[in-house]
Amino acid sequence: MANELSGEGKLDSTDLDRLHWGTLRDWAQLVRLPTVFTLFSDCLAAAIVVGSQWQPVTALIPTLAASLCAYWAGMILNDVVDLEEDKQTRPARPLASDRISPVIAGHVATGMLLIGPILILATTTLHASQPLWMVTAFFAAVLLSLCVRFYDSALKRTPLGPVLMGLCRTLNILMVGCTLLAVGDTEALPKPLLVFAAGIGLYIMGVTVYARREEQESSPPGLVFGLMLEVTGLILVGWCPFWAEESGPAWTLNPQGGYPLLIGLIGATVIQRGFAGVLHPVSRKVQLAVKHAILTLILIDAAVVLMWAGPWYGIAVVILLLPALTSAMRFRST
């Protein structure tokens, strides 16, 4: 197995017979199925902010698939990197229990990291695309795959780990936005997209800092720092409308009152859960706070979509909470 994981040596037919592919349930646990709906909500919000109204579908669906490949690859490689630690602390995980062979998981994840940029390039090539945004979208997709690979390495346990995790979300939003800009009519990059991408990136960076020691008793200062990053990210998301051009969309909510208030109310639930973990930094409290912060992304994205496109689009994003919460009853989110 050591040779398989390191890539040294060759697998003979006997080795291949011992490889375990696992079940669909095992793979669903490996990729943390409940959290994928937060990825979809991010993508849909990014598409709305650039004015695509989720059109054309022939560009939106492949872009969602490219995002999914990068996200699931990151989740899989995370467990490959943490294999020895998981055998001690989380022996029931699919790789740690050998229900899925790590060598298979590693190859699948690597394939996904290659497929993502190819999908983006194919999508922009097969549509009448603006060259600038076509190149930018492909560049963002390549950087996203690289950041996923860099995070799931020795860098994960360094101070760069949370930065890379946040950057993955930021690049994913930019990849989606630029792909839909490439196939659309907009010539200028909407400033709110940059602010939204930065805000979500900071928020995820904060969640990552907060969750650094979720399997054991956490350090309250570290939890506070993570929570502060989450709040900073929410503030940026709340400021998105202020960066729109004067000729921007007719807002559904007041950009100076209703929208920031909605973001604030959603954020208050994250802060409340986060402080519960700070006051009692035991594993269970911290994990609940992390799970809540991740799933709350759907509500944050729904608020953005509501602001830019109206209630029906916002409701469509909120509905993603149903499969997220349902699957969270069966699979771990962290």
Protein backbone atom coordinates (compact mmCIF):
# COMPACT_ATOMS: atom_id res chain seq x y z
CA MET A 1 0.00 0.00 0.00
CA ALA A 2 2.89 2.35 0.72
CA ASN A 3 4.08 1.88 -2.85
CA GLU A 4 0.60 2.53 -4.17
CA LEU A 5 0.28 5.80 -2.28
CA SER A 6 3.71 7.10 -3.16
CA GLY A 7 3.51 6.06 -6.78
CA GLU A 8 6.62 3.90 -6.46
CA GLY A 9 6.66 0.44 -8.00
CA LYS A 10 3.98 -1.15 -10.15
CA LEU A 11 0.70 -2.81 -9.37
CA ASP A 12 0.43 -6.42 -10.48
CA SER A 13 -2.82 -8.29 -11.05
CA THR A 14 -2.82 -9.56 -7.46
CA ASP A 15 -2.59 -6.00 -6.14
CA LEU A 16 -5.42 -4.91 -8.42
CA ASP A 17 -7.62 -7.71 -7.09
CA ARG A 18 -7.17 -6.27 -3.59
CA LEU A 19 -8.19 -2.72 -4.52
CA HIS A 20 -11.53 -1.71 -3.05
CA TRP A 21 -13.84 0.59 -4.98
CA GLY A 22 -16.40 1.00 -2.21
CA THR A 23 -20.10 1.72 -2.54
CA LEU A 24 -21.92 4.86 -3.61
CA ARG A 25 -22.56 5.56 0.07
CA ASP A 26 -18.82 5.35 0.76
CA TRP A 27 -18.09 7.86 -2.00
CA ALA A 28 -20.87 10.13 -0.78
CA GLN A 29 -19.23 10.19 2.65
CA LEU A 30 -15.78 10.66 1.16
CA VAL A 31 -16.81 13.80 -0.75
CA ARG A 32 -18.95 15.16 2.14
CA LEU A 33 -22.14 15.15 0.05
CA PRO A 34 -24.10 17.72 2.13
CA THR A 35 -21.57 20.48 1.48
CA VAL A 36 -21.74 20.18 -2.32
CA PHE A 37 -25.01 22.13 -2.27
CA THR A 38 -23.14 25.11 -0.83
CA LEU A 39 -20.88 24.92 -3.88
CA PHE A 40 -23.88 24.98 -6.20
CA SER A 41 -25.34 27.98 -4.37
CA ASP A 42 -22.03 29.85 -4.74
CA CYS A 43 -21.99 29.11 -8.47
CA LEU A 44 -25.61 30.17 -8.98
CA ALA A 45 -25.02 33.40 -7.06
CA ALA A 46 -21.91 34.18 -9.12
CA ALA A 47 -23.89 33.60 -12.33
CA ILE A 48 -26.62 36.00 -11.16
CA VAL A 49 -24.16 38.73 -10.12
CA VAL A 50 -22.66 38.81 -13.64
CA GLY A 51 -26.16 39.17 -15.07
CA SER A 52 -26.51 35.79 -16.79
CA GLN A 53 -29.87 34.88 -15.20
CA TRP A 54 -28.52 31.29 -15.38
CA GLN A 55 -28.43 31.44 -19.17
CA PRO A 56 -27.37 29.83 -21.41
CA VAL A 57 -27.97 26.49 -19.73
CA THR A 58 -25.53 24.88 -22.15
CA ALA A 59 -22.78 26.95 -20.49
CA LEU A 60 -24.09 26.90 -16.92
CA ILE A 61 -24.33 23.11 -16.56
CA PRO A 62 -20.77 22.31 -17.76
CA THR A 63 -19.48 25.11 -15.54
CA LEU A 64 -21.25 23.60 -12.54
CA ALA A 65 -19.71 20.24 -13.48
CA ALA A 66 -16.23 21.80 -13.60
CA SER A 67 -16.77 23.32 -10.16
CA LEU A 68 -17.97 19.97 -8.85
CA CYS A 69 -14.86 18.20 -10.17
CA ALA A 70 -12.52 20.61 -8.38
CA TYR A 71 -14.55 20.48 -5.17
CA TRP A 72 -14.85 16.72 -4.97
CA ALA A 73 -11.20 16.29 -5.92
CA GLY A 74 -10.27 18.49 -2.97
CA MET A 75 -12.42 16.50 -0.59
CA ILE A 76 -10.97 13.19 -1.77
CA LEU A 77 -7.35 14.36 -1.66
CA ASN A 78 -7.94 15.78 1.81
CA ASP A 79 -8.60 12.26 3.10
CA VAL A 80 -5.69 10.83 1.12
CA VAL A 81 -3.34 13.32 2.80
CA ASP A 82 -4.87 12.72 6.25
CA LEU A 83 -4.93 8.93 5.89
CA GLU A 84 -2.58 8.06 8.76
CA GLU A 85 -4.18 10.62 11.08
CA ASP A 86 -7.67 9.38 10.19
CA LYS A 87 -6.67 5.81 11.03
CA GLN A 88 -6.09 7.02 14.58
CA THR A 89 -8.86 9.58 15.06
CA ARG A 90 -11.50 8.78 12.39
CA PRO A 91 -11.11 5.07 11.61
CA ALA A 92 -14.62 4.83 10.17
CA ARG A 93 -13.79 7.15 7.23
CA PRO A 94 -13.94 5.37 3.84
CA LEU A 95 -10.18 5.51 3.19
CA ALA A 96 -9.08 4.88 6.78
CA SER A 97 -11.26 1.77 6.93
CA ASP A 98 -10.03 0.68 3.47
CA ARG A 99 -13.57 0.53 2.10
CA ILE A 100 -12.12 2.62 -0.74
CA SER A 101 -8.47 2.05 -1.62
CA PRO A 102 -6.43 5.26 -1.29
CA VAL A 103 -4.70 4.63 -4.63
CA ILE A 104 -8.06 4.57 -6.41
CA ALA A 105 -9.21 7.71 -4.60
CA GLY A 106 -5.99 9.51 -5.55
CA HIS A 107 -6.33 8.63 -9.23
CA VAL A 108 -10.00 9.66 -9.32
CA ALA A 109 -9.20 13.01 -7.70
CA THR A 110 -6.31 13.69 -10.09
CA GLY A 111 -8.59 12.97 -13.03
CA MET A 112 -11.17 15.40 -11.71
CA LEU A 113 -8.57 18.16 -11.38
CA LEU A 114 -7.70 17.68 -15.05
CA ILE A 115 -11.31 17.48 -16.23
CA GLY A 116 -12.35 20.83 -14.68
CA PRO A 117 -10.18 23.13 -16.84
CA ILE A 118 -10.97 21.02 -19.92
CA LEU A 119 -14.70 21.49 -19.35
CA ILE A 120 -14.25 25.26 -19.02
CA LEU A 121 -12.14 25.43 -22.18
CA ALA A 122 -14.65 23.28 -24.09
CA THR A 123 -17.60 25.36 -22.88
CA THR A 124 -16.09 28.70 -23.91
CA THR A 125 -14.81 27.26 -27.21
CA LEU A 126 -18.13 25.79 -28.28
CA HIS A 127 -19.95 29.06 -27.62
CA ALA A 128 -19.38 32.42 -29.27
CA SER A 129 -17.04 33.70 -26.57
CA GLN A 130 -15.21 36.92 -25.82
CA PRO A 131 -11.48 36.04 -25.96
CA LEU A 132 -10.53 38.01 -22.84
CA TRP A 133 -13.04 36.27 -20.57
CA MET A 134 -12.42 32.93 -22.25
CA VAL A 135 -8.73 33.09 -21.32
CA THR A 136 -9.52 34.46 -17.85
CA ALA A 137 -12.01 31.66 -17.12
CA PHE A 138 -9.56 28.96 -18.23
CA PHE A 139 -6.75 30.58 -16.20
CA ALA A 140 -9.00 30.66 -13.11
CA ALA A 141 -9.86 26.97 -13.63
CA VAL A 142 -6.19 26.01 -13.86
CA LEU A 143 -5.33 28.07 -10.76
CA LEU A 144 -8.24 26.45 -8.93
CA SER A 145 -6.92 22.95 -9.66
CA LEU A 146 -3.43 24.01 -8.55
CA CYS A 147 -4.72 25.52 -5.30
CA VAL A 148 -6.66 22.34 -4.53
CA ARG A 149 -3.50 20.31 -5.07
CA PHE A 150 -1.36 22.70 -3.01
CA TYR A 151 -3.86 22.71 -0.14
CA ASP A 152 -3.96 18.92 -0.03
CA SER A 153 -0.24 18.68 0.59
CA ALA A 154 2.21 19.53 3.36
CA LEU A 155 0.97 23.14 3.09
CA LYS A 156 -2.35 22.14 4.63
CA ARG A 157 -0.96 22.21 8.17
CA THR A 158 0.86 25.52 7.70
CA PRO A 159 -0.61 29.03 8.02
CA LEU A 160 -1.04 28.93 4.23
CA GLY A 161 -3.63 26.15 4.55
CA PRO A 162 -6.65 28.33 5.37
CA VAL A 163 -5.51 30.92 2.82
CA LEU A 164 -5.43 28.29 0.08
CA MET A 165 -8.84 26.94 1.11
CA GLY A 166 -10.38 30.42 0.93
CA LEU A 167 -8.63 31.04 -2.38
CA CYS A 168 -10.21 27.87 -3.79
CA ARG A 169 -13.70 29.28 -3.19
CA THR A 170 -12.71 32.68 -4.56
CA LEU A 171 -11.25 31.19 -7.73
CA ASN A 172 -14.29 28.95 -8.19
CA ILE A 173 -16.62 31.96 -8.10
CA LEU A 174 -14.39 33.88 -10.52
CA MET A 175 -14.20 30.85 -12.82
CA VAL A 176 -18.00 30.59 -12.98
CA GLY A 177 -18.47 34.34 -13.41
CA CYS A 178 -15.84 34.70 -16.14
CA THR A 179 -17.14 31.66 -18.04
CA LEU A 180 -20.62 33.14 -18.21
CA LEU A 181 -19.19 36.54 -19.08
CA ALA A 182 -17.30 34.88 -21.94
CA VAL A 183 -20.49 33.50 -23.49
CA GLY A 184 -22.57 36.61 -22.71
CA ASP A 185 -22.73 40.20 -23.88
CA THR A 186 -21.10 41.96 -20.91
CA GLU A 187 -17.73 43.48 -21.74
CA ALA A 188 -16.66 44.74 -18.29
CA LEU A 189 -16.07 42.61 -15.23
CA PRO A 190 -18.75 43.54 -12.66
CA LYS A 191 -17.03 44.83 -9.52
CA PRO A 192 -19.62 43.15 -7.25
CA LEU A 193 -18.38 39.76 -8.53
CA LEU A 194 -14.87 40.53 -7.26
CA VAL A 195 -16.20 41.69 -3.88
CA PHE A 196 -18.51 38.69 -3.59
CA ALA A 197 -15.67 36.29 -4.46
CA ALA A 198 -13.36 37.95 -1.92
CA GLY A 199 -16.08 37.92 0.77
CA ILE A 200 -16.89 34.23 0.34
CA GLY A 201 -13.19 33.41 0.22
CA LEU A 202 -12.56 35.20 3.53
CA TYR A 203 -15.60 33.52 5.06
CA ILE A 204 -14.33 30.05 4.08
CA MET A 205 -10.85 30.96 5.26
CA GLY A 206 -12.39 31.80 8.64
CA VAL A 207 -14.33 28.52 8.76
CA THR A 208 -11.09 26.65 8.00
CA VAL A 209 -9.21 28.44 10.78
CA TYR A 210 -12.10 27.76 13.17
CA ALA A 211 -12.13 24.05 12.26
CA ARG A 212 -8.36 23.47 12.50
CA ARG A 213 -8.62 21.35 15.67
CA GLU A 214 -12.25 20.24 15.50
CA GLU A 215 -11.41 16.63 16.45
CA GLN A 216 -9.98 17.72 19.81
CA GLU A 217 -10.32 20.60 22.24
CA SER A 218 -9.73 23.81 20.31
CA SER A 219 -7.88 26.98 21.29
CA PRO A 220 -10.34 29.82 22.06
CA PRO A 221 -8.03 32.50 20.51
CA GLY A 222 -7.89 30.47 17.31
CA LEU A 223 -11.67 30.11 17.28
CA VAL A 224 -12.11 33.86 17.82
CA PHE A 225 -9.72 34.64 14.96
CA GLY A 226 -11.60 32.29 12.64
CA LEU A 227 -14.90 33.85 13.64
CA MET A 228 -13.52 37.33 12.97
CA LEU A 229 -12.53 36.27 9.44
CA GLU A 230 -16.03 34.89 8.86
CA VAL A 231 -17.59 38.18 9.97
CA THR A 232 -15.22 40.16 7.73
CA GLY A 233 -16.26 38.02 4.79
CA LEU A 234 -19.94 38.62 5.57
CA ILE A 235 -19.33 42.38 5.72
CA LEU A 236 -17.79 42.27 2.24
CA VAL A 237 -20.77 40.32 0.90
CA GLY A 238 -23.06 42.91 2.50
CA TRP A 239 -21.19 45.68 0.68
CA CYS A 240 -21.49 44.11 -2.78
CA PRO A 241 -24.26 46.46 -4.05
CA PHE A 242 -22.16 49.53 -3.24
CA TRP A 243 -19.68 48.43 -5.93
CA ALA A 244 -22.28 48.19 -8.68
CA GLU A 245 -22.36 50.77 -11.46
CA GLU A 246 -24.97 53.52 -11.19
CA SER A 247 -26.80 51.94 -14.12
CA GLY A 248 -26.89 48.60 -12.34
CA PRO A 249 -29.95 46.41 -11.72
CA ALA A 250 -33.15 47.55 -10.06
CA TRP A 251 -32.55 46.21 -6.58
CA THR A 252 -35.10 43.91 -4.98
CA LEU A 253 -33.97 45.14 -1.54
CA ASN A 254 -32.69 48.49 -0.33
CA PRO A 255 -28.89 48.28 -0.77
CA GLN A 256 -28.39 50.52 2.27
CA GLY A 257 -30.97 48.93 4.55
CA GLY A 258 -32.81 45.74 3.70
CA TYR A 259 -29.97 43.84 2.07
CA PRO A 260 -27.25 44.52 4.70
CA LEU A 261 -29.83 43.79 7.40
CA LEU A 262 -30.64 40.42 5.81
CA ILE A 263 -26.97 39.51 5.59
CA GLY A 264 -26.55 40.66 9.20
CA LEU A 265 -29.41 38.48 10.43
CA ILE A 266 -28.00 35.45 8.64
CA GLY A 267 -24.55 36.23 10.01
CA ALA A 268 -25.92 36.57 13.55
CA THR A 269 -26.75 32.86 13.57
CA VAL A 270 -23.17 32.05 12.53
CA ILE A 271 -21.77 34.30 15.26
CA GLN A 272 -24.06 32.79 17.89
CA ARG A 273 -22.99 29.25 17.00
CA GLY A 274 -19.37 30.33 16.78
CA PHE A 275 -19.34 31.90 20.25
CA ALA A 276 -20.89 28.75 21.69
CA GLY A 277 -17.77 26.96 20.50
CA VAL A 278 -15.50 29.68 21.89
CA LEU A 279 -17.11 29.43 25.34
CA HIS A 280 -17.01 25.61 25.29
CA PRO A 281 -14.24 24.63 22.83
CA VAL A 282 -14.98 20.92 22.92
CA SER A 283 -15.07 18.90 19.73
CA ARG A 284 -18.85 18.57 19.55
CA LYS A 285 -19.53 22.31 19.94
CA VAL A 286 -16.88 23.27 17.41
CA GLN A 287 -18.07 20.74 14.84
CA LEU A 288 -21.67 21.97 15.15
CA ALA A 289 -20.49 25.54 14.62
CA VAL A 290 -18.48 24.52 11.55
CA LYS A 291 -21.38 22.56 10.08
CA HIS A 292 -23.73 25.50 10.65
CA ALA A 293 -21.29 27.99 9.09
CA ILE A 294 -20.85 25.84 5.98
CA LEU A 295 -24.55 25.16 5.38
CA THR A 296 -25.40 28.83 6.05
CA LEU A 297 -23.53 29.62 2.83
CA ILE A 298 -26.72 28.63 1.00
CA LEU A 299 -28.68 31.35 2.81
CA ILE A 300 -25.94 33.91 2.18
CA ASP A 301 -25.95 33.09 -1.52
CA ALA A 302 -29.75 33.15 -1.59
CA ALA A 303 -29.69 36.68 -0.14
CA VAL A 304 -27.30 37.77 -2.92
CA VAL A 305 -29.51 36.18 -5.58
CA LEU A 306 -32.62 37.77 -4.04
CA MET A 307 -30.94 41.17 -4.20
CA TRP A 308 -29.85 40.86 -7.83
CA ALA A 309 -32.63 38.81 -9.44
CA GLY A 310 -35.72 38.79 -7.24
CA PRO A 311 -37.59 36.41 -4.92
CA TRP A 312 -38.18 33.50 -7.32
CA TYR A 313 -34.49 33.10 -8.02
CA GLY A 314 -33.76 33.49 -4.32
CA ILE A 315 -36.26 30.79 -3.41
CA ALA A 316 -34.67 28.46 -5.98
CA VAL A 317 -31.35 28.79 -4.14
CA VAL A 318 -32.93 28.40 -0.68
CA ILE A 319 -34.44 25.10 -1.85
CA LEU A 320 -30.89 23.73 -1.96
CA LEU A 321 -31.11 23.62 1.84
CA LEU A 322 -33.52 20.68 1.60
CA PRO A 323 -31.10 18.17 0.03
CA ALA A 324 -28.24 19.65 2.07
CA LEU A 325 -30.00 19.12 5.40
CA THR A 326 -31.47 15.77 4.38
CA SER A 327 -28.10 14.38 3.34
CA ALA A 328 -26.48 15.90 6.46
CA MET A 329 -28.57 13.46 8.53
CA ARG A 330 -26.76 10.55 6.89
CA PHE A 331 -23.31 11.91 6.05
CA ARG A 332 -20.81 14.05 7.94
CA SER A 333 -20.26 17.57 6.61
CA THR A 334 -16.76 17.99 8.05
